[in-house]
Amino acid sequence: MNVNNISIRQLQAFVEVANSGSFTRAAEGLHLTQSTLTAQIQQLETQAGLKLFDRTTRRVLLTDEGERFLPVAERLLSDFSAAMTDLQSRAELKRGHVNLAGSPSVVTRFLPSALAHFRAHHPTISVHIRDDSAGSLEQRVLNNEVDFAIAGNHSQQPDLEYQPLLQDRYGLVVPQQHPLAQAKTLEWKDVPSSELMLLSRDTGIRAQLERFADSGQLPIEMKDALIEATNPAGLAALIAQNLGVSVLPALAADTHSFARMRFIPLRNPELHREICIITRRGRALSPAAAALLGSVRDQLAAMTLPEGVKGL
């Protein structure tokens, strides 16, 4: 028997005839001509290699093989119907799950309002948010652990697509009482190297600063940093203790941890990082993930961006 040639319509025809005991009533119930229904039953019996019905002048009865097959056919139809209902619910955003990831500044600054907007319209869709460094986020997208990520372009992976979302300018972060705190802008040569603290080398921000330095765009030495931290919040705690100053993109310096500090844009040269939507190349987003990404874009368009951050 070649089960690949058995169709849902043949199973529906079989169950309807079995339950009604009549080809005429079954054809009416399925809105088919009797000849079409008869052909479907004959095709099913041919595929099975067995008779499923005994036909008399008054009634259609199941054979022993038909009796055994009926509950199986009913279960198959029920499972198929449930599966289609689930697919339709997901397509209509009544059900589903979204995994997304973001850099710490994105998760803190933009995702809460976007998620509130999304949940107001799609309360039955569950969401799992991961907060990680740029390199780890890219790997999670590659491994299909998340539907998409919002972070800097850490390594330009060929299997990932990067859609620019924001442009984020680099600046100097200092305590409010620091001698440079009143400056509106500073040049890179003004960065006090003896006070410089940086993020560690495994972060996307530090990796980009290293690339700027290697290409000759950055007139400060990365090796001059006396203290390193693994995340912006850790740097903020160190700056708050007057242990030094740091270089960060505007968005990273716009979180609650830096509320009592000054961000001063740096020029000559003016350097930026791009915050991108990162997806797996060739993989379509689910309707739920696409809807959440739409909420992120809508909220970004509606909000006032911090100094040094520009929508793309």
C-alpha atoms as a PDB file:
ATOM      1  CA  MET A   1       0.000   0.000   0.000  1.00  0.00           C
ATOM      2  CA  ASN A   2       1.317   3.428  -0.928  1.00  0.00           C
ATOM      3  CA  VAL A   3       0.024   5.651   1.873  1.00  0.00           C
ATOM      4  CA  ASN A   4       1.395   8.717   0.102  1.00  0.00           C
ATOM      5  CA  ASN A   5      -1.507   8.463  -2.348  1.00  0.00           C
ATOM      6  CA  ILE A   6      -4.205   8.439   0.367  1.00  0.00           C
ATOM      7  CA  SER A   7      -5.782  11.877   0.664  1.00  0.00           C
ATOM      8  CA  ILE A   8      -7.635  13.696   3.427  1.00  0.00           C
ATOM      9  CA  ARG A   9     -10.693  13.812   1.175  1.00  0.00           C
ATOM     10  CA  GLN A  10     -10.686  10.025   0.846  1.00  0.00           C
ATOM     11  CA  LEU A  11     -10.519   9.671   4.625  1.00  0.00           C
ATOM     12  CA  GLN A  12     -13.362  12.190   5.031  1.00  0.00           C
ATOM     13  CA  ALA A  13     -15.423  10.248   2.474  1.00  0.00           C
ATOM     14  CA  PHE A  14     -14.756   6.954   4.285  1.00  0.00           C
ATOM     15  CA  VAL A  15     -15.724   8.327   7.717  1.00  0.00           C
ATOM     16  CA  GLU A  16     -18.851  10.044   6.396  1.00  0.00           C
ATOM     17  CA  VAL A  17     -20.108   6.891   4.626  1.00  0.00           C
ATOM     18  CA  ALA A  18     -19.276   4.735   7.669  1.00  0.00           C
ATOM     19  CA  ASN A  19     -21.168   7.028  10.038  1.00  0.00           C
ATOM     20  CA  SER A  20     -24.191   7.629   7.801  1.00  0.00           C
ATOM     21  CA  GLY A  21     -24.440   4.114   6.373  1.00  0.00           C
ATOM     22  CA  SER A  22     -25.411   5.613   3.028  1.00  0.00           C
ATOM     23  CA  PHE A  23     -23.556   6.922  -0.015  1.00  0.00           C
ATOM     24  CA  THR A  24     -26.457   9.251  -0.757  1.00  0.00           C
ATOM     25  CA  ARG A  25     -26.512  10.855   2.702  1.00  0.00           C
ATOM     26  CA  ALA A  26     -22.699  10.969   2.826  1.00  0.00           C
ATOM     27  CA  ALA A  27     -22.552  12.742  -0.550  1.00  0.00           C
ATOM     28  CA  GLU A  28     -25.103  15.291   0.675  1.00  0.00           C
ATOM     29  CA  GLY A  29     -23.150  15.843   3.910  1.00  0.00           C
ATOM     30  CA  LEU A  30     -19.894  16.420   2.017  1.00  0.00           C
ATOM     31  CA  HIS A  31     -21.556  18.456  -0.763  1.00  0.00           C
ATOM     32  CA  LEU A  32     -20.304  16.029  -3.407  1.00  0.00           C
ATOM     33  CA  THR A  33     -21.951  14.194  -6.247  1.00  0.00           C
ATOM     34  CA  GLN A  34     -22.537  10.541  -5.481  1.00  0.00           C
ATOM     35  CA  SER A  35     -20.274   9.521  -8.361  1.00  0.00           C
ATOM     36  CA  THR A  36     -17.400  11.603  -6.950  1.00  0.00           C
ATOM     37  CA  LEU A  37     -17.876  10.117  -3.492  1.00  0.00           C
ATOM     38  CA  THR A  38     -18.022   6.588  -4.901  1.00  0.00           C
ATOM     39  CA  ALA A  39     -14.788   7.212  -6.833  1.00  0.00           C
ATOM     40  CA  GLN A  40     -13.018   8.413  -3.671  1.00  0.00           C
ATOM     41  CA  ILE A  41     -14.055   5.290  -1.742  1.00  0.00           C
ATOM     42  CA  GLN A  42     -12.964   3.056  -4.607  1.00  0.00           C
ATOM     43  CA  GLN A  43      -9.575   4.814  -4.758  1.00  0.00           C
ATOM     44  CA  LEU A  44      -9.115   4.332  -0.994  1.00  0.00           C
ATOM     45  CA  GLU A  45      -9.994   0.643  -1.214  1.00  0.00           C
ATOM     46  CA  THR A  46      -7.602   0.229  -4.137  1.00  0.00           C
ATOM     47  CA  GLN A  47      -4.799   1.850  -2.184  1.00  0.00           C
ATOM     48  CA  ALA A  48      -5.587  -0.283   0.881  1.00  0.00           C
ATOM     49  CA  GLY A  49      -5.904  -3.459  -1.148  1.00  0.00           C
ATOM     50  CA  LEU A  50      -9.000  -4.356   0.883  1.00  0.00           C
ATOM     51  CA  LYS A  51     -12.743  -3.861   0.790  1.00  0.00           C
ATOM     52  CA  LEU A  52     -13.840  -1.442   3.484  1.00  0.00           C
ATOM     53  CA  PHE A  53     -17.613  -1.614   2.846  1.00  0.00           C
ATOM     54  CA  ASP A  54     -20.163  -4.308   2.111  1.00  0.00           C
ATOM     55  CA  ARG A  55     -22.874  -2.780  -0.046  1.00  0.00           C
ATOM     56  CA  THR A  56     -26.444  -4.116   0.128  1.00  0.00           C
ATOM     57  CA  THR A  57     -29.574  -2.794  -1.530  1.00  0.00           C
ATOM     58  CA  ARG A  58     -30.676  -1.150   1.699  1.00  0.00           C
ATOM     59  CA  ARG A  59     -27.529  -0.217   3.601  1.00  0.00           C
ATOM     60  CA  VAL A  60     -23.761   0.164   3.408  1.00  0.00           C
ATOM     61  CA  LEU A  61     -21.964  -1.782   6.139  1.00  0.00           C
ATOM     62  CA  LEU A  62     -18.352  -1.756   7.233  1.00  0.00           C
ATOM     63  CA  THR A  63     -16.294  -4.897   6.674  1.00  0.00           C
ATOM     64  CA  ASP A  64     -14.161  -6.181   9.552  1.00  0.00           C
ATOM     65  CA  GLU A  65     -11.193  -4.313   8.053  1.00  0.00           C
ATOM     66  CA  GLY A  66     -13.336  -1.180   7.754  1.00  0.00           C
ATOM     67  CA  GLU A  67     -14.380  -1.470  11.422  1.00  0.00           C
ATOM     68  CA  ARG A  68     -10.736  -1.608  12.494  1.00  0.00           C
ATOM     69  CA  PHE A  69      -9.789   1.291  10.231  1.00  0.00           C
ATOM     70  CA  LEU A  70     -12.626   3.650  11.248  1.00  0.00           C
ATOM     71  CA  PRO A  71     -11.189   4.834  14.620  1.00  0.00           C
ATOM     72  CA  VAL A  72      -7.783   5.274  12.993  1.00  0.00           C
ATOM     73  CA  ALA A  73      -9.258   7.392  10.193  1.00  0.00           C
ATOM     74  CA  GLU A  74     -11.252   9.475  12.684  1.00  0.00           C
ATOM     75  CA  ARG A  75      -8.110  10.099  14.758  1.00  0.00           C
ATOM     76  CA  LEU A  76      -6.111  11.086  11.670  1.00  0.00           C
ATOM     77  CA  LEU A  77      -8.793  13.575  10.637  1.00  0.00           C
ATOM     78  CA  SER A  78      -9.009  14.956  14.171  1.00  0.00           C
ATOM     79  CA  ASP A  79      -5.210  15.398  14.364  1.00  0.00           C
ATOM     80  CA  PHE A  80      -5.139  17.055  10.944  1.00  0.00           C
ATOM     81  CA  SER A  81      -7.951  19.409  11.898  1.00  0.00           C
ATOM     82  CA  ALA A  82      -6.202  20.338  15.153  1.00  0.00           C
ATOM     83  CA  ALA A  83      -2.928  20.944  13.320  1.00  0.00           C
ATOM     84  CA  MET A  84      -4.606  23.190  10.742  1.00  0.00           C
ATOM     85  CA  THR A  85      -6.413  25.097  13.496  1.00  0.00           C
ATOM     86  CA  ASP A  86      -3.077  25.643  15.243  1.00  0.00           C
ATOM     87  CA  LEU A  87      -1.465  26.882  12.016  1.00  0.00           C
ATOM     88  CA  GLN A  88      -4.352  29.248  11.353  1.00  0.00           C
ATOM     89  CA  SER A  89      -4.219  30.537  14.937  1.00  0.00           C
ATOM     90  CA  ARG A  90      -0.518  31.274  14.527  1.00  0.00           C
ATOM     91  CA  ALA A  91      -1.123  32.970  11.196  1.00  0.00           C
ATOM     92  CA  GLU A  92      -3.862  35.081  12.810  1.00  0.00           C
ATOM     93  CA  LEU A  93      -1.554  35.820  15.803  1.00  0.00           C
ATOM     94  CA  LYS A  94      -3.846  34.096  18.302  1.00  0.00           C
ATOM     95  CA  ARG A  95      -1.100  31.726  19.381  1.00  0.00           C
ATOM     96  CA  GLY A  96       2.663  31.451  19.122  1.00  0.00           C
ATOM     97  CA  HIS A  97       6.020  32.062  20.735  1.00  0.00           C
ATOM     98  CA  VAL A  98       8.838  34.477  19.951  1.00  0.00           C
ATOM     99  CA  ASN A  99      12.475  34.192  20.993  1.00  0.00           C
ATOM    100  CA  LEU A 100      14.484  37.365  20.558  1.00  0.00           C
ATOM    101  CA  ALA A 101      17.777  38.680  21.814  1.00  0.00           C
ATOM    102  CA  GLY A 102      19.284  42.094  22.278  1.00  0.00           C
ATOM    103  CA  SER A 103      22.330  43.883  23.536  1.00  0.00           C
ATOM    104  CA  PRO A 104      21.926  45.128  27.134  1.00  0.00           C
ATOM    105  CA  SER A 105      21.268  48.726  26.036  1.00  0.00           C
ATOM    106  CA  VAL A 106      18.598  47.649  23.530  1.00  0.00           C
ATOM    107  CA  VAL A 107      16.863  45.375  26.049  1.00  0.00           C
ATOM    108  CA  THR A 108      16.860  48.132  28.660  1.00  0.00           C
ATOM    109  CA  ARG A 109      16.050  51.140  26.505  1.00  0.00           C
ATOM    110  CA  PHE A 110      13.713  50.024  23.699  1.00  0.00           C
ATOM    111  CA  LEU A 111      12.247  46.580  24.251  1.00  0.00           C
ATOM    112  CA  PRO A 112      10.038  47.327  27.295  1.00  0.00           C
ATOM    113  CA  SER A 113       7.843  49.855  25.456  1.00  0.00           C
ATOM    114  CA  ALA A 114       7.797  47.729  22.279  1.00  0.00           C
ATOM    115  CA  LEU A 115       6.803  44.648  24.275  1.00  0.00           C
ATOM    116  CA  ALA A 116       4.048  46.556  26.086  1.00  0.00           C
ATOM    117  CA  HIS A 117       2.644  47.654  22.715  1.00  0.00           C
ATOM    118  CA  PHE A 118       2.900  44.099  21.337  1.00  0.00           C
ATOM    119  CA  ARG A 119       1.261  42.482  24.373  1.00  0.00           C
ATOM    120  CA  ALA A 120      -1.629  44.928  24.223  1.00  0.00           C
ATOM    121  CA  HIS A 121      -2.476  43.655  20.737  1.00  0.00           C
ATOM    122  CA  HIS A 122      -1.362  40.011  21.046  1.00  0.00           C
ATOM    123  CA  PRO A 123      -1.781  38.934  24.692  1.00  0.00           C
ATOM    124  CA  THR A 124      -1.738  35.182  23.962  1.00  0.00           C
ATOM    125  CA  ILE A 125       1.695  35.106  22.295  1.00  0.00           C
ATOM    126  CA  SER A 126       4.569  34.293  24.657  1.00  0.00           C
ATOM    127  CA  VAL A 127       7.936  36.053  24.382  1.00  0.00           C
ATOM    128  CA  HIS A 128      11.380  35.043  25.626  1.00  0.00           C
ATOM    129  CA  ILE A 129      14.058  37.769  25.704  1.00  0.00           C
ATOM    130  CA  ARG A 130      17.790  37.079  25.938  1.00  0.00           C
ATOM    131  CA  ASP A 131      20.313  39.730  26.954  1.00  0.00           C
ATOM    132  CA  ASP A 132      23.858  39.022  25.731  1.00  0.00           C
ATOM    133  CA  SER A 133      26.968  40.388  24.044  1.00  0.00           C
ATOM    134  CA  ALA A 134      26.950  41.014  20.281  1.00  0.00           C
ATOM    135  CA  GLY A 135      29.067  37.987  19.368  1.00  0.00           C
ATOM    136  CA  SER A 136      26.913  35.638  21.428  1.00  0.00           C
ATOM    137  CA  LEU A 137      23.726  37.126  19.966  1.00  0.00           C
ATOM    138  CA  GLU A 138      24.900  36.462  16.427  1.00  0.00           C
ATOM    139  CA  GLN A 139      25.656  32.855  17.331  1.00  0.00           C
ATOM    140  CA  ARG A 140      22.193  32.418  18.844  1.00  0.00           C
ATOM    141  CA  VAL A 141      20.630  33.573  15.560  1.00  0.00           C
ATOM    142  CA  LEU A 142      22.906  31.207  13.596  1.00  0.00           C
ATOM    143  CA  ASN A 143      21.880  28.319  15.879  1.00  0.00           C
ATOM    144  CA  ASN A 144      18.163  29.186  15.477  1.00  0.00           C
ATOM    145  CA  GLU A 145      17.924  29.719  19.239  1.00  0.00           C
ATOM    146  CA  VAL A 146      16.240  33.084  18.629  1.00  0.00           C
ATOM    147  CA  ASP A 147      14.033  34.393  15.829  1.00  0.00           C
ATOM    148  CA  PHE A 148      16.004  37.625  15.554  1.00  0.00           C
ATOM    149  CA  ALA A 149      18.424  39.791  17.500  1.00  0.00           C
ATOM    150  CA  ILE A 150      18.860  43.551  17.821  1.00  0.00           C
ATOM    151  CA  ALA A 151      22.498  44.454  18.316  1.00  0.00           C
ATOM    152  CA  GLY A 152      25.632  45.797  16.685  1.00  0.00           C
ATOM    153  CA  ASN A 153      27.218  44.081  13.685  1.00  0.00           C
ATOM    154  CA  HIS A 154      29.978  42.229  15.513  1.00  0.00           C
ATOM    155  CA  SER A 155      31.509  40.016  12.832  1.00  0.00           C
ATOM    156  CA  GLN A 156      29.583  40.324   9.532  1.00  0.00           C
ATOM    157  CA  GLN A 157      28.659  36.635   9.426  1.00  0.00           C
ATOM    158  CA  PRO A 158      27.890  35.550   5.821  1.00  0.00           C
ATOM    159  CA  ASP A 159      24.901  33.447   6.953  1.00  0.00           C
ATOM    160  CA  LEU A 160      23.259  36.402   8.705  1.00  0.00           C
ATOM    161  CA  GLU A 161      21.420  39.431   7.400  1.00  0.00           C
ATOM    162  CA  TYR A 162      21.959  42.801   9.075  1.00  0.00           C
ATOM    163  CA  GLN A 163      19.282  45.467   8.599  1.00  0.00           C
ATOM    164  CA  PRO A 164      20.468  48.815  10.019  1.00  0.00           C
ATOM    165  CA  LEU A 165      18.041  50.185  12.583  1.00  0.00           C
ATOM    166  CA  LEU A 166      19.928  52.912  14.481  1.00  0.00           C
ATOM    167  CA  GLN A 167      23.158  54.845  14.237  1.00  0.00           C
ATOM    168  CA  ASP A 168      24.821  55.234  17.605  1.00  0.00           C
ATOM    169  CA  ARG A 169      27.575  57.851  18.115  1.00  0.00           C
ATOM    170  CA  TYR A 170      30.567  57.291  20.381  1.00  0.00           C
ATOM    171  CA  GLY A 171      31.258  59.701  23.213  1.00  0.00           C
ATOM    172  CA  LEU A 172      33.033  60.102  26.513  1.00  0.00           C
ATOM    173  CA  VAL A 173      31.189  59.258  29.748  1.00  0.00           C
ATOM    174  CA  VAL A 174      32.337  61.159  32.834  1.00  0.00           C
ATOM    175  CA  PRO A 175      31.027  61.843  36.351  1.00  0.00           C
ATOM    176  CA  GLN A 176      29.081  65.097  36.674  1.00  0.00           C
ATOM    177  CA  GLN A 177      31.815  66.673  38.771  1.00  0.00           C
ATOM    178  CA  HIS A 178      34.575  65.816  36.276  1.00  0.00           C
ATOM    179  CA  PRO A 179      36.547  68.789  34.803  1.00  0.00           C
ATOM    180  CA  LEU A 180      35.347  67.848  31.278  1.00  0.00           C
ATOM    181  CA  ALA A 181      31.677  67.432  32.299  1.00  0.00           C
ATOM    182  CA  GLN A 182      30.550  70.845  30.967  1.00  0.00           C
ATOM    183  CA  ALA A 183      31.940  70.358  27.460  1.00  0.00           C
ATOM    184  CA  LYS A 184      29.337  70.018  24.671  1.00  0.00           C
ATOM    185  CA  THR A 185      31.684  68.014  22.453  1.00  0.00           C
ATOM    186  CA  LEU A 186      35.260  66.792  22.730  1.00  0.00           C
ATOM    187  CA  GLU A 187      37.925  65.600  20.343  1.00  0.00           C
ATOM    188  CA  TRP A 188      39.347  62.111  20.711  1.00  0.00           C
ATOM    189  CA  LYS A 189      42.727  63.602  21.594  1.00  0.00           C
ATOM    190  CA  ASP A 190      41.050  65.154  24.656  1.00  0.00           C
ATOM    191  CA  VAL A 191      40.211  61.740  26.141  1.00  0.00           C
ATOM    192  CA  PRO A 192      42.258  61.450  29.358  1.00  0.00           C
ATOM    193  CA  SER A 193      44.147  58.196  28.743  1.00  0.00           C
ATOM    194  CA  SER A 194      45.302  57.983  32.372  1.00  0.00           C
ATOM    195  CA  GLU A 195      41.650  57.728  33.498  1.00  0.00           C
ATOM    196  CA  LEU A 196      40.364  55.488  30.699  1.00  0.00           C
ATOM    197  CA  MET A 197      38.278  52.417  31.545  1.00  0.00           C
ATOM    198  CA  LEU A 198      36.868  50.179  28.794  1.00  0.00           C
ATOM    199  CA  LEU A 199      34.612  47.221  28.224  1.00  0.00           C
ATOM    200  CA  SER A 200      36.404  43.874  27.987  1.00  0.00           C
ATOM    201  CA  ARG A 201      37.611  42.425  24.692  1.00  0.00           C
ATOM    202  CA  ASP A 202      34.760  39.916  24.397  1.00  0.00           C
ATOM    203  CA  THR A 203      32.157  42.675  23.937  1.00  0.00           C
ATOM    204  CA  GLY A 204      30.966  44.033  20.594  1.00  0.00           C
ATOM    205  CA  ILE A 205      31.684  47.645  21.584  1.00  0.00           C
ATOM    206  CA  ARG A 206      35.294  46.898  22.488  1.00  0.00           C
ATOM    207  CA  ALA A 207      35.723  44.813  19.328  1.00  0.00           C
ATOM    208  CA  GLN A 208      34.563  47.747  17.209  1.00  0.00           C
ATOM    209  CA  LEU A 209      36.858  50.180  19.027  1.00  0.00           C
ATOM    210  CA  GLU A 210      39.746  47.783  18.357  1.00  0.00           C
ATOM    211  CA  ARG A 211      38.849  47.743  14.645  1.00  0.00           C
ATOM    212  CA  PHE A 212      38.759  51.558  14.598  1.00  0.00           C
ATOM    213  CA  ALA A 213      42.195  51.599  16.237  1.00  0.00           C
ATOM    214  CA  ASP A 214      43.645  49.014  13.823  1.00  0.00           C
ATOM    215  CA  SER A 215      42.438  51.053  10.827  1.00  0.00           C
ATOM    216  CA  GLY A 216      44.014  54.230  12.177  1.00  0.00           C
ATOM    217  CA  GLN A 217      40.704  56.016  12.865  1.00  0.00           C
ATOM    218  CA  LEU A 218      41.099  56.042  16.630  1.00  0.00           C
ATOM    219  CA  PRO A 219      43.770  58.361  18.062  1.00  0.00           C
ATOM    220  CA  ILE A 220      43.870  56.658  21.474  1.00  0.00           C
ATOM    221  CA  GLU A 221      45.531  53.439  22.600  1.00  0.00           C
ATOM    222  CA  MET A 222      43.261  50.655  23.768  1.00  0.00           C
ATOM    223  CA  LYS A 223      46.053  49.157  25.836  1.00  0.00           C
ATOM    224  CA  ASP A 224      46.101  52.318  27.970  1.00  0.00           C
ATOM    225  CA  ALA A 225      42.903  51.256  29.774  1.00  0.00           C
ATOM    226  CA  LEU A 226      43.783  50.403  33.379  1.00  0.00           C
ATOM    227  CA  ILE A 227      40.378  48.912  34.275  1.00  0.00           C
ATOM    228  CA  GLU A 228      38.019  46.770  32.170  1.00  0.00           C
ATOM    229  CA  ALA A 229      34.426  45.660  32.823  1.00  0.00           C
ATOM    230  CA  THR A 230      32.319  43.029  31.113  1.00  0.00           C
ATOM    231  CA  ASN A 231      29.186  45.177  30.648  1.00  0.00           C
ATOM    232  CA  PRO A 232      28.138  48.873  30.596  1.00  0.00           C
ATOM    233  CA  ALA A 233      26.404  48.635  33.985  1.00  0.00           C
ATOM    234  CA  GLY A 234      29.693  47.530  35.536  1.00  0.00           C
ATOM    235  CA  LEU A 235      31.462  50.492  33.938  1.00  0.00           C
ATOM    236  CA  ALA A 236      28.781  52.838  35.289  1.00  0.00           C
ATOM    237  CA  ALA A 237      29.405  51.607  38.830  1.00  0.00           C
ATOM    238  CA  LEU A 238      33.132  52.240  38.417  1.00  0.00           C
ATOM    239  CA  ILE A 239      32.601  55.720  36.984  1.00  0.00           C
ATOM    240  CA  ALA A 240      30.201  56.519  39.829  1.00  0.00           C
ATOM    241  CA  GLN A 241      33.062  55.786  42.250  1.00  0.00           C
ATOM    242  CA  ASN A 242      35.255  58.332  40.381  1.00  0.00           C
ATOM    243  CA  LEU A 243      37.638  55.586  39.297  1.00  0.00           C
ATOM    244  CA  GLY A 244      37.841  56.939  35.762  1.00  0.00           C
ATOM    245  CA  VAL A 245      35.994  57.718  32.530  1.00  0.00           C
ATOM    246  CA  SER A 246      34.956  55.581  29.572  1.00  0.00           C
ATOM    247  CA  VAL A 247      34.186  55.644  25.856  1.00  0.00           C
ATOM    248  CA  LEU A 248      30.760  54.248  24.911  1.00  0.00           C
ATOM    249  CA  PRO A 249      28.103  54.607  22.222  1.00  0.00           C
ATOM    250  CA  ALA A 250      25.283  56.997  23.132  1.00  0.00           C
ATOM    251  CA  LEU A 251      22.674  54.263  23.506  1.00  0.00           C
ATOM    252  CA  ALA A 252      24.785  52.259  25.944  1.00  0.00           C
ATOM    253  CA  ALA A 253      25.247  55.434  28.010  1.00  0.00           C
ATOM    254  CA  ASP A 254      21.531  56.244  28.018  1.00  0.00           C
ATOM    255  CA  THR A 255      20.434  53.534  30.458  1.00  0.00           C
ATOM    256  CA  HIS A 256      19.426  54.031  34.085  1.00  0.00           C
ATOM    257  CA  SER A 257      22.913  53.062  35.280  1.00  0.00           C
ATOM    258  CA  PHE A 258      24.338  56.247  33.740  1.00  0.00           C
ATOM    259  CA  ALA A 259      21.575  58.600  34.907  1.00  0.00           C
ATOM    260  CA  ARG A 260      23.921  60.770  36.991  1.00  0.00           C
ATOM    261  CA  MET A 261      26.719  60.965  34.444  1.00  0.00           C
ATOM    262  CA  ARG A 262      27.493  63.071  31.396  1.00  0.00           C
ATOM    263  CA  PHE A 263      27.770  61.743  27.858  1.00  0.00           C
ATOM    264  CA  ILE A 264      29.887  64.027  25.655  1.00  0.00           C
ATOM    265  CA  PRO A 265      29.954  63.284  21.888  1.00  0.00           C
ATOM    266  CA  LEU A 266      33.437  62.804  20.441  1.00  0.00           C
ATOM    267  CA  ARG A 267      34.614  64.267  17.102  1.00  0.00           C
ATOM    268  CA  ASN A 268      37.661  64.311  14.848  1.00  0.00           C
ATOM    269  CA  PRO A 269      36.730  61.696  13.864  1.00  0.00           C
ATOM    270  CA  GLU A 270      33.011  61.265  14.527  1.00  0.00           C
ATOM    271  CA  LEU A 271      32.588  57.507  14.969  1.00  0.00           C
ATOM    272  CA  HIS A 272      29.412  55.418  15.159  1.00  0.00           C
ATOM    273  CA  ARG A 273      28.180  51.887  15.578  1.00  0.00           C
ATOM    274  CA  GLU A 274      25.129  50.565  13.781  1.00  0.00           C
ATOM    275  CA  ILE A 275      22.394  48.779  15.705  1.00  0.00           C
ATOM    276  CA  CYS A 276      20.945  46.177  13.357  1.00  0.00           C
ATOM    277  CA  ILE A 277      18.119  43.690  13.151  1.00  0.00           C
ATOM    278  CA  ILE A 278      19.967  40.398  12.784  1.00  0.00           C
ATOM    279  CA  THR A 279      18.213  37.427  11.161  1.00  0.00           C
ATOM    280  CA  ARG A 280      19.282  34.110   9.672  1.00  0.00           C
ATOM    281  CA  ARG A 281      19.734  34.420   5.908  1.00  0.00           C
ATOM    282  CA  GLY A 282      17.008  32.547   4.013  1.00  0.00           C
ATOM    283  CA  ARG A 283      14.850  31.967   7.124  1.00  0.00           C
ATOM    284  CA  ALA A 284      11.473  33.703   7.158  1.00  0.00           C
ATOM    285  CA  LEU A 285      10.193  35.121  10.431  1.00  0.00           C
ATOM    286  CA  SER A 286       7.052  33.577  11.903  1.00  0.00           C
ATOM    287  CA  PRO A 287       3.960  35.829  11.906  1.00  0.00           C
ATOM    288  CA  ALA A 288       4.393  36.361  15.663  1.00  0.00           C
ATOM    289  CA  ALA A 289       8.078  37.305  15.345  1.00  0.00           C
ATOM    290  CA  ALA A 290       7.328  39.615  12.406  1.00  0.00           C
ATOM    291  CA  ALA A 291       4.582  41.316  14.447  1.00  0.00           C
ATOM    292  CA  LEU A 292       6.918  41.855  17.411  1.00  0.00           C
ATOM    293  CA  LEU A 293       9.586  43.281  15.129  1.00  0.00           C
ATOM    294  CA  GLY A 294       6.924  45.621  13.721  1.00  0.00           C
ATOM    295  CA  SER A 295       6.156  46.803  17.261  1.00  0.00           C
ATOM    296  CA  VAL A 296       9.854  47.510  17.817  1.00  0.00           C
ATOM    297  CA  ARG A 297      10.000  49.608  14.648  1.00  0.00           C
ATOM    298  CA  ASP A 298       6.777  51.464  15.550  1.00  0.00           C
ATOM    299  CA  GLN A 299       8.017  52.319  19.025  1.00  0.00           C
ATOM    300  CA  LEU A 300      11.371  53.527  17.731  1.00  0.00           C
ATOM    301  CA  ALA A 301       9.614  55.785  15.235  1.00  0.00           C
ATOM    302  CA  ALA A 302       7.435  57.256  18.004  1.00  0.00           C
ATOM    303  CA  MET A 303      10.055  57.840  20.691  1.00  0.00           C
ATOM    304  CA  THR A 304      12.474  60.714  21.204  1.00  0.00           C
ATOM    305  CA  LEU A 305      15.937  59.272  20.715  1.00  0.00           C
ATOM    306  CA  PRO A 306      18.794  60.249  23.036  1.00  0.00           C
ATOM    307  CA  GLU A 307      21.531  62.605  21.902  1.00  0.00           C
ATOM    308  CA  GLY A 308      23.909  60.837  19.553  1.00  0.00           C
ATOM    309  CA  VAL A 309      21.360  58.215  18.383  1.00  0.00           C
ATOM    310  CA  LYS A 310      19.715  58.481  14.968  1.00  0.00           C
ATOM    311  CA  GLY A 311      17.135  56.238  13.296  1.00  0.00           C
ATOM    312  CA  LEU A 312      18.045  54.693   9.927  1.00  0.00           C
END
